[in-house]
Amino acid sequence: MKGIPLILLAVLLGATGQIIMKKGMMLYGEVSAGSVWSQLIPILKVPQVFIGFICYGISAVLWIAVVSNVDLSLAYPMVSLAYVIVFLASWLLLGEKISAMRIAGLVIIVAGVLVISRS
């Protein structure tokens, strides 16, 4: 289908950016919503956070091309694939625990994306 490879690339880059940012923030430490702006420069000096931010930014730029070429009703549900990527990477790379309820939710998301992509 037209645009699917670009959608997948944008989603993959966005999810990759999230995982890399998380690794960087694990090094930096916790930040509250109220203090994030005052700490933004030091946070961005953590290489993993900066690289993750760049990946996420490139994903957003690619998304501009996606929405200009593909029906949004098809493209946007594909963003849910990022949940799958982040879910698996969080488990495999970050050692996060995965519950049966989370797995069930993930299966529902994948089923929904499959239904939408075939319509």
Protein backbone atom coordinates (compact mmCIF):
# COMPACT_ATOMS: atom_id res chain seq x y z
CA MET A 1 0.00 0.00 0.00
CA LYS A 2 1.09 3.52 -0.75
CA GLY A 3 2.76 5.21 2.19
CA ILE A 4 2.99 2.18 4.47
CA PRO A 5 6.83 2.01 4.41
CA LEU A 6 7.03 5.70 5.33
CA ILE A 7 4.49 5.23 8.11
CA LEU A 8 6.45 2.28 9.48
CA LEU A 9 9.73 4.23 9.35
CA ALA A 10 8.19 7.20 11.16
CA VAL A 11 6.66 4.93 13.81
CA LEU A 12 9.90 2.97 14.26
CA LEU A 13 11.96 6.14 14.66
CA GLY A 14 9.48 7.58 17.16
CA ALA A 15 9.48 4.42 19.25
CA THR A 16 13.26 4.13 19.06
CA GLY A 17 13.54 7.72 20.22
CA GLN A 18 11.35 6.95 23.23
CA ILE A 19 13.48 3.96 24.28
CA ILE A 20 16.74 5.86 23.86
CA MET A 21 15.35 8.84 25.80
CA LYS A 22 14.25 6.51 28.60
CA LYS A 23 17.76 5.03 28.80
CA GLY A 24 19.15 8.55 29.03
CA MET A 25 16.70 9.59 31.71
CA MET A 26 17.59 6.49 33.70
CA LEU A 27 21.10 7.97 33.80
CA TYR A 28 19.96 11.54 34.50
CA GLY A 29 17.35 10.74 37.14
CA GLU A 30 13.77 11.67 37.84
CA VAL A 31 12.35 15.01 36.77
CA SER A 32 9.00 16.47 37.80
CA ALA A 33 6.66 18.16 35.34
CA GLY A 34 7.22 21.42 37.21
CA SER A 35 11.01 21.30 36.98
CA VAL A 36 11.54 19.91 33.49
CA TRP A 37 11.82 23.33 31.84
CA SER A 38 14.45 24.57 34.26
CA GLN A 39 16.48 21.37 33.72
CA LEU A 40 15.99 21.07 29.96
CA ILE A 41 19.52 22.09 28.92
CA PRO A 42 21.26 19.69 31.36
CA ILE A 43 18.82 16.93 30.35
CA LEU A 44 19.60 17.44 26.66
CA LYS A 45 23.32 17.22 27.44
CA VAL A 46 22.82 13.52 28.25
CA PRO A 47 23.77 11.94 24.88
CA GLN A 48 21.04 9.29 24.96
CA VAL A 49 18.35 11.88 25.68
CA PHE A 50 19.62 14.10 22.87
CA ILE A 51 19.82 11.23 20.36
CA GLY A 52 16.36 10.02 21.38
CA PHE A 53 15.02 13.53 20.96
CA ILE A 54 16.56 13.73 17.47
CA CYS A 55 15.01 10.36 16.48
CA TYR A 56 11.66 11.54 17.72
CA GLY A 57 12.06 14.83 15.82
CA ILE A 58 12.94 13.08 12.57
CA SER A 59 9.89 10.89 13.08
CA ALA A 60 7.72 14.01 13.37
CA VAL A 61 9.18 15.43 10.15
CA LEU A 62 8.54 12.17 8.32
CA TRP A 63 5.00 12.25 9.67
CA ILE A 64 4.45 15.46 7.71
CA ALA A 65 5.12 13.50 4.52
CA VAL A 66 2.83 10.71 5.72
CA VAL A 67 -0.17 12.94 6.37
CA SER A 68 0.30 14.70 3.06
CA ASN A 69 0.16 11.40 1.13
CA VAL A 70 -2.00 8.96 3.12
CA ASP A 71 -5.52 9.12 4.55
CA LEU A 72 -5.20 10.06 8.19
CA SER A 73 -7.84 7.46 9.07
CA LEU A 74 -5.36 4.82 7.84
CA ALA A 75 -2.10 6.41 8.93
CA TYR A 76 -2.89 7.45 12.49
CA PRO A 77 -4.00 4.05 13.80
CA MET A 78 -0.63 2.73 12.58
CA VAL A 79 0.98 4.87 15.28
CA SER A 80 -0.35 2.20 17.65
CA LEU A 81 2.44 -0.03 16.37
CA ALA A 82 4.74 2.14 18.45
CA TYR A 83 3.05 0.63 21.50
CA VAL A 84 4.13 -2.80 20.32
CA ILE A 85 7.70 -1.71 19.64
CA VAL A 86 8.05 0.15 22.94
CA PHE A 87 6.35 -2.69 24.84
CA LEU A 88 8.79 -5.28 23.51
CA ALA A 89 11.85 -3.03 23.81
CA SER A 90 10.91 -2.08 27.37
CA TRP A 91 10.83 -5.74 28.28
CA LEU A 92 13.92 -6.82 26.30
CA LEU A 93 16.17 -3.77 26.72
CA LEU A 94 15.01 -2.13 29.93
CA GLY A 95 14.03 -5.23 31.89
CA GLU A 96 10.53 -4.00 32.62
CA LYS A 97 8.03 -6.52 33.93
CA ILE A 98 5.15 -7.48 31.63
CA SER A 99 1.80 -8.52 33.10
CA ALA A 100 -0.82 -10.71 31.45
CA MET A 101 -3.19 -7.72 31.29
CA ARG A 102 -0.61 -5.69 29.37
CA ILE A 103 -0.09 -8.56 26.94
CA ALA A 104 -3.86 -8.82 26.43
CA GLY A 105 -4.05 -5.09 25.74
CA LEU A 106 -1.21 -5.35 23.26
CA VAL A 107 -2.95 -8.18 21.41
CA ILE A 108 -6.09 -6.03 21.13
CA ILE A 109 -4.06 -3.12 19.75
CA VAL A 110 -2.38 -5.34 17.14
CA ALA A 111 -5.73 -6.82 16.11
CA GLY A 112 -7.15 -3.33 15.67
CA VAL A 113 -4.25 -2.17 13.54
CA LEU A 114 -4.58 -5.26 11.34
CA VAL A 115 -8.30 -4.63 10.82
CA ILE A 116 -7.76 -0.96 9.95
CA SER A 117 -4.80 -1.64 7.63
CA ARG A 118 -6.83 -4.15 5.60
CA SER A 119 -9.78 -1.82 5.07
